[in-house]
Protein backbone atom coordinates (compact mmCIF):
# COMPACT_ATOMS: atom_id res chain seq x y z
CA MET A 1 22.50 -44.39 -37.27
CA THR A 2 18.98 -45.32 -36.26
CA THR A 3 16.98 -43.24 -33.82
CA GLU A 4 16.71 -46.22 -31.46
CA SER A 5 20.46 -46.80 -31.30
CA SER A 6 21.06 -43.06 -30.87
CA ILE A 7 18.70 -42.96 -27.87
CA SER A 8 20.34 -46.08 -26.45
CA GLU A 9 23.85 -44.59 -26.76
CA LYS A 10 22.68 -41.31 -25.24
CA ARG A 11 21.15 -43.20 -22.31
CA SER A 12 24.37 -45.16 -21.72
CA SER A 13 26.51 -42.01 -21.94
CA ARG A 14 24.23 -40.22 -19.47
CA LEU A 15 24.42 -43.23 -17.15
CA GLN A 16 28.23 -43.22 -17.11
CA LYS A 17 28.41 -39.48 -16.42
CA ASN A 18 25.88 -39.78 -13.58
CA ILE A 19 27.83 -42.60 -11.94
CA LEU A 20 31.08 -40.61 -12.11
CA VAL A 21 29.55 -37.38 -10.74
CA SER A 22 27.60 -39.30 -8.08
CA PHE A 23 30.83 -40.89 -6.83
CA ILE A 24 32.44 -37.45 -6.54
CA ALA A 25 29.38 -35.97 -4.77
CA LYS A 26 29.03 -38.92 -2.38
CA GLY A 27 32.75 -38.88 -1.64
CA TRP A 28 32.65 -35.17 -0.83
CA SER A 29 29.57 -35.74 1.37
CA ALA A 30 31.51 -38.38 3.31
CA VAL A 31 34.39 -35.92 3.83
CA ILE A 32 31.93 -33.27 5.06
CA VAL A 33 30.47 -35.69 7.61
CA LEU A 34 33.97 -36.39 8.94
CA LEU A 35 34.80 -32.67 9.13
CA MET A 36 31.49 -31.73 10.72
CA VAL A 37 31.88 -34.04 13.72
CA PRO A 38 34.87 -32.32 15.45
CA ILE A 39 33.66 -28.79 14.59
CA THR A 40 30.18 -29.36 16.03
CA LEU A 41 31.59 -31.19 19.05
CA ASN A 42 34.04 -28.37 19.82
CA CYS A 43 31.32 -25.79 19.28
CA LEU A 44 28.63 -27.35 21.46
CA GLY A 45 30.51 -29.57 23.86
CA GLU A 46 29.76 -33.23 24.47
CA TYR A 47 26.40 -32.76 26.19
CA ASN A 48 24.70 -30.35 23.75
CA ASN A 49 26.25 -32.16 20.79
CA GLY A 50 24.45 -35.26 22.04
CA VAL A 51 21.22 -33.23 22.27
CA TRP A 52 21.69 -32.04 18.67
CA LEU A 53 22.36 -35.58 17.42
CA THR A 54 19.17 -36.74 19.14
CA ILE A 55 17.15 -33.93 17.54
CA SER A 56 18.74 -34.70 14.14
CA SER A 57 17.82 -38.38 14.36
CA VAL A 58 14.21 -37.47 15.15
CA MET A 59 14.11 -35.07 12.18
CA LEU A 60 15.27 -37.84 9.84
CA TRP A 61 11.95 -39.61 10.33
CA ILE A 62 10.16 -36.70 8.67
CA ASP A 63 11.78 -37.81 5.40
CA ASN A 64 9.70 -40.99 5.56
CA LEU A 65 6.40 -39.09 5.75
CA ASP A 66 6.13 -38.78 1.96
CA ILE A 67 4.71 -42.36 1.84
CA GLY A 68 6.91 -43.06 -1.18
CA LEU A 69 5.52 -40.18 -3.27
CA GLY A 70 9.01 -39.08 -4.36
CA ASN A 71 9.91 -42.50 -5.76
CA GLY A 72 6.44 -42.89 -7.26
CA MET A 73 6.77 -39.55 -9.05
CA ARG A 74 10.25 -40.27 -10.41
CA ASN A 75 9.03 -43.52 -12.00
CA LYS A 76 5.90 -41.96 -13.49
CA LEU A 77 7.91 -38.97 -14.74
CA ALA A 78 10.39 -41.26 -16.50
CA ILE A 79 7.46 -43.10 -18.14
CA TYR A 80 5.78 -39.91 -19.38
CA MET A 81 9.04 -38.45 -20.69
CA ALA A 82 9.80 -41.69 -22.56
CA HIS A 83 6.47 -41.31 -24.36
CA GLY A 84 6.78 -37.56 -24.86
CA GLU A 85 3.76 -36.79 -22.66
CA THR A 86 4.95 -33.42 -21.40
CA GLN A 87 1.56 -32.14 -20.24
CA ARG A 88 0.93 -35.27 -18.15
CA ALA A 89 4.42 -34.89 -16.71
CA ARG A 90 3.62 -31.29 -15.65
CA SER A 91 0.37 -32.44 -14.06
CA LEU A 92 2.23 -35.23 -12.28
CA ILE A 93 4.82 -32.84 -10.81
CA ALA A 94 2.16 -30.34 -9.74
CA SER A 95 0.01 -33.06 -8.16
CA THR A 96 2.93 -34.51 -6.22
CA PHE A 97 3.97 -31.09 -4.91
CA ALA A 98 0.36 -30.50 -3.85
CA MET A 99 0.11 -33.84 -2.03
CA LEU A 100 3.37 -33.28 -0.18
CA THR A 101 2.10 -29.86 0.90
CA TYR A 102 -1.20 -31.35 2.11
CA ILE A 103 0.75 -33.93 4.13
CA ILE A 104 3.32 -31.64 5.71
CA ILE A 105 1.26 -28.55 6.69
CA PRO A 106 -1.01 -30.36 9.19
CA THR A 107 1.99 -32.39 10.35
CA LEU A 108 3.94 -29.20 11.02
CA LEU A 109 1.04 -27.62 12.92
CA ILE A 110 0.58 -30.74 15.07
CA LEU A 111 4.30 -30.88 15.87
CA LEU A 112 4.45 -27.17 16.77
CA VAL A 113 1.44 -27.48 19.10
CA PHE A 114 2.96 -30.61 20.63
CA ILE A 115 6.27 -28.83 21.29
CA TRP A 116 4.48 -25.78 22.70
CA THR A 117 2.32 -27.79 25.10
CA SER A 118 4.79 -30.52 26.13
CA ASP A 119 7.70 -30.66 28.52
CA THR A 120 10.33 -31.29 25.85
CA TYR A 121 13.14 -31.31 28.42
CA GLN A 122 11.58 -34.30 30.16
CA LEU A 123 10.60 -35.92 26.87
CA LEU A 124 14.19 -35.89 25.56
CA ASN A 125 15.74 -36.26 29.02
CA VAL A 126 17.62 -32.95 28.67
CA ASP A 127 18.92 -30.91 31.60
CA PRO A 128 17.54 -27.30 31.42
CA ALA A 129 20.64 -26.06 33.22
CA LYS A 130 22.86 -27.31 30.38
CA THR A 131 20.63 -26.60 27.36
CA ALA A 132 18.84 -23.30 26.83
CA ASN A 133 15.79 -22.62 24.64
CA LEU A 134 15.11 -26.25 23.72
CA ASP A 135 11.52 -25.48 22.65
CA GLN A 136 12.74 -22.72 20.35
CA VAL A 137 15.41 -24.99 18.87
CA LEU A 138 12.83 -27.68 18.17
CA MET A 139 10.32 -25.27 16.63
CA VAL A 140 12.90 -23.70 14.31
CA THR A 141 14.28 -27.09 13.28
CA VAL A 142 10.85 -28.66 12.69
CA THR A 143 9.64 -25.68 10.63
CA LEU A 144 12.70 -25.63 8.38
CA VAL A 145 12.87 -29.40 7.94
CA CYS A 146 9.17 -29.58 7.07
CA THR A 147 9.59 -26.83 4.47
CA THR A 148 12.58 -28.66 3.00
CA PHE A 149 10.41 -31.80 2.89
CA ILE A 150 8.34 -30.19 0.12
CA PHE A 151 11.13 -28.72 -1.99
CA LYS A 152 13.43 -31.74 -1.85
CA LEU A 153 11.05 -33.27 -4.40
CA ILE A 154 13.27 -31.42 -6.90
CA GLY A 155 15.84 -34.18 -6.29
CA ASN A 156 13.28 -36.83 -7.28
CA PHE A 157 12.42 -34.72 -10.33
CA TYR A 158 16.02 -34.94 -11.56
CA MET A 159 16.10 -38.67 -10.81
CA GLY A 160 13.02 -39.08 -13.01
CA LEU A 161 14.95 -37.33 -15.80
CA GLN A 162 17.74 -39.92 -15.36
CA LEU A 163 19.95 -37.33 -13.62
CA PRO A 164 20.45 -38.71 -10.09
CA ALA A 165 23.87 -37.06 -9.99
CA VAL A 166 22.12 -33.66 -9.81
CA SER A 167 20.16 -34.85 -6.77
CA ASN A 168 23.39 -36.00 -5.12
CA LEU A 169 25.04 -32.65 -5.94
CA LEU A 170 22.15 -30.72 -4.37
CA ILE A 171 22.54 -32.76 -1.17
CA ALA A 172 26.31 -32.20 -1.18
CA LEU A 173 25.84 -28.44 -1.72
CA GLY A 174 23.45 -28.26 1.24
CA GLN A 175 25.95 -30.12 3.40
CA THR A 176 28.79 -27.85 2.22
CA LEU A 177 26.84 -24.72 3.15
CA ALA A 178 26.02 -26.27 6.53
CA LEU A 179 29.72 -27.01 7.12
CA ILE A 180 30.69 -23.42 6.28
CA GLY A 181 27.89 -22.06 8.45
CA THR A 182 28.84 -24.30 11.37
CA TYR A 183 32.47 -23.19 11.13
CA ILE A 184 31.37 -19.53 11.11
CA VAL A 185 29.30 -20.15 14.26
CA TYR A 186 32.34 -21.78 15.84
CA LEU A 187 34.65 -18.87 14.94
CA SER A 188 32.12 -16.30 16.16
CA GLY A 189 32.31 -17.69 19.67
CA SER A 190 28.50 -17.96 19.82
CA HIS A 191 28.42 -21.67 20.63
CA SER A 192 24.64 -21.82 20.65
CA LEU A 193 22.58 -24.94 20.00
CA LEU A 194 19.97 -22.71 18.36
CA HIS A 195 22.53 -21.31 15.89
CA ILE A 196 23.81 -24.79 15.03
CA ALA A 197 20.26 -26.05 14.53
CA LEU A 198 19.41 -23.03 12.38
CA VAL A 199 22.49 -23.38 10.17
CA ASN A 200 22.12 -27.12 9.64
CA SER A 201 18.39 -26.90 8.92
CA VAL A 202 18.27 -23.82 6.71
CA CYS A 203 21.24 -24.58 4.42
CA PRO A 204 19.66 -27.53 2.55
CA LEU A 205 16.47 -25.46 2.17
CA ILE A 206 18.43 -22.53 0.68
CA VAL A 207 19.91 -24.84 -1.96
CA TYR A 208 16.49 -26.19 -2.96
CA LEU A 209 14.90 -22.70 -2.97
CA ILE A 210 17.60 -21.47 -5.34
CA THR A 211 17.36 -24.60 -7.47
CA TYR A 212 13.55 -24.37 -7.88
CA PRO A 213 13.43 -21.26 -10.12
CA TYR A 214 16.56 -22.37 -12.00
CA THR A 215 14.94 -25.74 -12.69
CA PHE A 216 11.39 -24.74 -13.58
CA TYR A 217 11.83 -21.22 -14.97
CA TYR A 218 15.13 -21.58 -16.82
CA LYS A 219 16.17 -25.18 -17.42
CA TYR A 220 12.81 -27.00 -17.77
CA PRO A 221 10.06 -24.34 -18.12
CA HIS A 222 7.96 -26.82 -20.14
CA LEU A 223 7.72 -28.99 -16.99
CA ARG A 224 6.96 -26.18 -14.54
CA PRO A 225 4.22 -27.18 -12.08
CA ALA A 226 1.14 -24.99 -11.64
CA PHE A 227 -1.75 -25.15 -9.22
CA GLY A 228 -4.25 -25.44 -12.06
CA LEU A 229 -2.56 -28.64 -13.25
CA VAL A 230 -3.20 -30.57 -10.02
CA ASP A 231 -5.10 -33.72 -11.02
CA LEU A 232 -6.65 -36.24 -8.61
CA LYS A 233 -6.14 -39.05 -11.12
CA GLU A 234 -2.42 -38.36 -11.28
CA ALA A 235 -2.34 -38.09 -7.49
CA LYS A 236 -4.03 -41.47 -7.16
CA ALA A 237 -1.54 -43.10 -9.57
CA VAL A 238 1.45 -41.68 -7.67
CA ILE A 239 0.03 -42.74 -4.30
CA SER A 240 -0.63 -46.27 -5.59
CA MET A 241 2.97 -46.73 -6.70
CA GLY A 242 4.40 -44.63 -3.86
CA ILE A 243 2.83 -46.72 -1.10
CA ARG A 244 4.52 -49.82 -2.52
CA PHE A 245 7.89 -48.08 -2.39
CA PHE A 246 7.08 -46.84 1.10
CA ILE A 247 6.33 -50.33 2.47
CA ILE A 248 9.53 -51.69 0.90
CA GLN A 249 11.48 -48.75 2.35
CA VAL A 250 10.03 -49.18 5.87
CA SER A 251 10.69 -52.94 5.73
CA GLY A 252 14.32 -52.21 4.90
CA VAL A 253 14.55 -49.72 7.77
CA ILE A 254 13.23 -52.38 10.18
CA LEU A 255 15.76 -54.93 8.97
CA PHE A 256 18.73 -52.54 9.02
CA MET A 257 17.98 -50.50 12.13
CA THR A 258 16.85 -53.22 14.54
CA SER A 259 20.04 -55.27 14.32
CA ASN A 260 21.94 -53.07 16.82
CA ILE A 261 19.01 -53.05 19.24
CA LEU A 262 18.59 -56.83 19.02
CA ILE A 263 22.31 -57.51 19.48
CA SER A 264 22.31 -55.30 22.57
CA LYS A 265 19.15 -56.95 23.89
CA LEU A 266 19.92 -60.59 23.07
CA PHE A 267 23.64 -60.56 23.85
CA THR A 268 25.32 -57.48 25.34
CA PRO A 269 25.84 -53.86 24.26
CA ALA A 270 29.55 -54.65 24.08
CA LEU A 271 28.95 -56.83 20.99
CA VAL A 272 27.34 -53.96 19.08
CA THR A 273 30.72 -52.27 18.65
CA PRO A 274 32.57 -55.10 16.84
CA TYR A 275 29.48 -55.83 14.72
CA GLN A 276 29.18 -52.17 13.69
CA ILE A 277 32.90 -51.94 12.91
CA ALA A 278 32.72 -55.02 10.69
CA TYR A 279 29.51 -53.77 9.06
CA ARG A 280 30.90 -50.32 8.31
CA TYR A 281 34.09 -51.85 6.93
CA PHE A 282 32.40 -54.19 4.46
CA SER A 283 29.51 -51.83 3.66
CA ILE A 284 31.99 -49.57 1.84
CA LEU A 285 31.37 -51.81 -1.16
CA LEU A 286 27.60 -51.71 -0.56
CA VAL A 287 27.65 -47.91 -0.68
CA ALA A 288 29.80 -47.97 -3.83
CA PHE A 289 27.45 -50.42 -5.55
CA THR A 290 24.43 -48.32 -4.53
CA VAL A 291 25.98 -45.28 -6.22
CA ILE A 292 26.55 -47.38 -9.36
CA CYS A 293 23.04 -48.87 -9.35
CA MET A 294 21.05 -45.69 -8.66
CA PRO A 295 21.35 -44.25 -12.21
CA PHE A 296 20.20 -47.62 -13.64
CA TRP A 297 16.81 -47.18 -11.92
CA ASN A 298 15.16 -44.61 -14.19
CA ALA A 299 17.41 -45.39 -17.15
CA THR A 300 15.71 -48.81 -17.00
CA THR A 301 12.28 -47.12 -16.86
CA ASP A 302 13.12 -45.20 -20.03
CA ALA A 303 14.51 -48.25 -21.84
CA TYR A 304 11.59 -50.50 -20.83
CA GLU A 305 8.95 -47.97 -21.89
CA ARG A 306 10.68 -47.53 -25.27
CA GLY A 307 10.92 -51.31 -25.74
CA ASP A 308 14.74 -51.19 -25.69
CA ILE A 309 15.16 -54.54 -23.93
CA GLN A 310 18.58 -55.06 -25.50
CA TRP A 311 19.89 -52.05 -23.58
CA ILE A 312 18.68 -53.64 -20.33
CA HIS A 313 20.41 -56.92 -21.29
CA ASN A 314 23.66 -55.02 -21.95
CA ALA A 315 23.34 -53.07 -18.70
CA THR A 316 22.76 -56.15 -16.58
CA ARG A 317 25.83 -57.81 -18.12
CA LYS A 318 27.91 -54.84 -16.95
CA LEU A 319 26.45 -55.14 -13.46
CA ARG A 320 27.17 -58.88 -13.49
CA MET A 321 30.86 -58.15 -14.04
CA MET A 322 30.78 -55.51 -11.29
CA THR A 323 29.13 -58.00 -8.94
CA ILE A 324 31.90 -60.54 -9.60
CA GLY A 325 34.47 -57.82 -8.93
CA ILE A 326 32.77 -56.93 -5.64
CA PHE A 327 32.70 -60.61 -4.64
CA LEU A 328 36.46 -60.83 -5.19
CA GLY A 329 36.89 -57.52 -3.37
CA LEU A 330 35.02 -58.86 -0.33
CA ILE A 331 37.31 -61.90 -0.23
CA VAL A 332 40.37 -59.63 -0.26
CA MET A 333 38.80 -57.47 2.46
CA ILE A 334 38.28 -60.56 4.64
CA PHE A 335 41.95 -61.57 4.33
CA VAL A 336 43.23 -58.09 5.23
CA SER A 337 40.49 -57.32 7.79
CA ASP A 338 42.64 -57.88 10.89
CA PHE A 339 45.30 -55.52 9.55
CA VAL A 340 42.71 -52.87 8.61
CA TYR A 341 40.95 -53.13 11.99
CA THR A 342 44.27 -52.65 13.80
CA ILE A 343 45.15 -49.56 11.76
CA TRP A 344 41.61 -48.17 12.03
CA ILE A 345 40.61 -48.78 15.66
CA GLY A 346 43.77 -50.06 17.32
CA GLN A 347 43.83 -53.21 19.44
CA ASP A 348 41.26 -52.28 22.07
CA THR A 349 38.45 -54.04 20.15
CA THR A 350 38.89 -57.58 18.83
CA ILE A 351 36.75 -58.76 15.93
CA ASP A 352 36.44 -62.50 15.34
CA ILE A 353 37.29 -63.57 11.79
CA ARG A 354 34.01 -65.52 11.78
CA MET A 355 32.13 -62.26 12.26
CA SER A 356 34.00 -60.65 9.38
CA VAL A 357 33.13 -63.58 7.10
CA ALA A 358 29.48 -63.58 8.20
CA VAL A 359 29.07 -59.84 7.67
CA ALA A 360 30.81 -60.04 4.27
CA ILE A 361 28.37 -62.76 3.18
CA TYR A 362 25.45 -60.63 4.39
CA ILE A 363 26.70 -57.60 2.43
CA PHE A 364 27.14 -59.70 -0.72
CA ILE A 365 23.57 -61.02 -0.47
CA LEU A 366 22.29 -57.44 -0.28
CA ILE A 367 24.42 -56.39 -3.25
CA TYR A 368 23.44 -59.41 -5.35
CA SER A 369 19.75 -58.76 -4.65
CA MET A 370 20.17 -55.04 -5.36
CA ARG A 371 21.56 -55.88 -8.78
CA TYR A 372 18.06 -57.05 -9.76
CA SER A 373 15.85 -54.92 -7.50
CA TYR A 374 16.99 -51.62 -9.02
CA PHE A 375 15.98 -52.80 -12.48
CA ILE A 376 12.64 -54.06 -11.13
CA ASN A 377 12.10 -50.73 -9.36
CA GLY A 378 12.66 -48.98 -12.67
CA ILE A 379 10.14 -51.20 -14.43
CA GLY A 380 7.69 -50.60 -11.56
CA LYS A 381 6.61 -54.22 -10.98
CA LEU A 382 6.80 -54.12 -7.18
CA ARG A 383 4.19 -56.56 -5.85
CA LEU A 384 6.54 -59.49 -5.19
CA GLN A 385 9.30 -57.27 -3.82
CA LEU A 386 6.75 -55.72 -1.46
CA ILE A 387 5.51 -59.11 -0.24
CA PHE A 388 8.97 -60.55 0.40
CA SER A 389 10.39 -57.36 1.96
CA ALA A 390 7.46 -57.06 4.36
CA SER A 391 7.58 -60.79 5.18
CA ALA A 392 11.30 -60.60 5.95
CA ALA A 393 10.72 -57.61 8.25
CA ILE A 394 7.91 -59.43 10.09
CA LEU A 395 9.81 -62.72 10.48
CA PHE A 396 13.22 -61.29 11.34
CA ILE A 397 12.75 -60.42 15.03
CA PRO A 398 10.98 -63.63 16.19
CA LEU A 399 13.34 -65.81 14.15
CA ALA A 400 16.36 -63.99 15.59
CA TYR A 401 15.03 -64.51 19.13
CA LEU A 402 14.52 -68.23 18.47
CA VAL A 403 17.92 -68.85 16.90
CA VAL A 404 19.80 -66.90 19.59
CA LYS A 405 17.93 -68.78 22.30
CA LEU A 406 19.05 -72.07 20.74
CA THR A 407 22.65 -71.09 19.94
CA ASN A 408 23.58 -67.98 21.96
CA ASP A 409 25.99 -67.18 19.13
CA ILE A 410 26.09 -63.84 17.29
CA ILE A 411 27.34 -65.59 14.14
CA TRP A 412 24.03 -67.44 13.97
CA PHE A 413 22.25 -64.12 14.49
CA ILE A 414 24.03 -62.73 11.43
CA ALA A 415 23.18 -65.98 9.62
CA VAL A 416 19.49 -65.21 10.26
CA MET A 417 20.03 -61.79 8.66
CA CYS A 418 21.44 -63.58 5.61
CA ILE A 419 18.75 -66.27 5.43
CA ILE A 420 15.89 -63.80 5.79
CA ASN A 421 17.08 -61.95 2.64
CA ILE A 422 17.75 -64.97 0.41
CA PRO A 423 14.11 -65.67 -0.64
CA GLY A 424 13.76 -62.06 -1.82
CA LEU A 425 17.02 -62.35 -3.77
CA ILE A 426 15.85 -65.53 -5.52
CA VAL A 427 12.46 -64.03 -6.39
CA ASN A 428 14.09 -60.81 -7.65
CA LYS A 429 16.32 -62.78 -9.99
CA ILE A 430 13.48 -64.94 -11.33
CA GLN A 431 11.15 -61.96 -11.82
CA PHE A 432 13.82 -59.89 -13.54
CA ASN A 433 14.56 -62.69 -16.03
CA LYS A 434 10.85 -63.18 -16.71
CA LEU A 435 10.30 -59.44 -17.26
CA ILE A 436 13.13 -58.85 -19.72
CA ASN A 437 12.42 -62.09 -21.61
CA GLY A 438 8.72 -61.27 -21.95
CA HIS A 439 7.59 -64.28 -19.89
CA ALA A 440 6.19 -62.43 -16.86
CA THR A 441 2.52 -63.17 -16.24
CA GLY A 442 0.23 -62.97 -13.22
CA ILE A 443 1.90 -61.80 -10.03
CA TRP A 444 5.31 -61.77 -11.77
CA ASN A 445 4.04 -58.84 -13.88
CA LYS A 446 2.48 -56.73 -11.10
């Protein structure tokens, strides 16, 4: 057996194992989320639970402060490992850790000063009589989340080694510890917002702090970062690629997160509920496909850097069959949607079959585009994806306003969501075919 075929088979075997373990980890995470809701609600009560959810949503934005450095590092790491450049890989990891630290320390200090000097009760519209020690809760949460911000790079490290399942397991372990801790707080009778915030913020950090020495002192000591290995050239390379990922990521957030706001603004808040129900129903397949696609990202990086284009051809054929299966699955889901909605939410909310069809089409467009974008992400040729993602984000809101003004129909609003993503899908498909067939030149190869 040739070395090339052995590497290819090893890559495929690793891919299959990662998909299987990722499904288990993601499934367990979903169960934890369901279990956490009633425990936290019973522990805090409706009002303080709402305060905690608000704080949690604000903390999520800190994850976006890495300006794409995590994704940039995982791609560069996969490239260096494919070429056996261990020392450059160490320098890359050290430089990325250093940059994240430089970003988060001043951010943390600014946030702490802001909390200390501001009226946070008024800022978050919280009643002091119902919620005690809000400033303390915010300071503890911000400090722990910012510290986790640095160490969660370990997840990107494992992704760069084509082991995204490990990253998913680390997240699931943090959530499991948080669930246990929350239940202990509930049983103790100390139904304190501060204790809930502490448990939910410190548990993910504990997992990463334990994982760090295991990873870099036991499992991969040859890749252990060190301060002396920080290199400005490596930092510049990661930032260059990371900013591209960051812009694409922010564009996606704009497209996904503004839909509820726009529906409420352009129609009525009452229409947000049926739209969200339909979206969550059909997005089950989107989540499943994301879990399948994620391991292909850096496996593609490895294959492309080694010149194993045949492996990429074989992999995309497998995803083509999966895409056809998902298309058929969406059709079945449309036909049984009324029955599922009745079982799930009862008969208080009615969802028009047209909305179900429109949302299913939208989900399929995202999945079909994702089939190509994950390969392109792995290859690192992001210029066109960046342009079309940013353009879609910029055009979406004014185009939605115009179409709704002309039609006053939410189905046409969802149609805009579909149309705005089609150019990117077409370009992704063309660029992918050019890249793997060796015909990409100019902007198609950037």
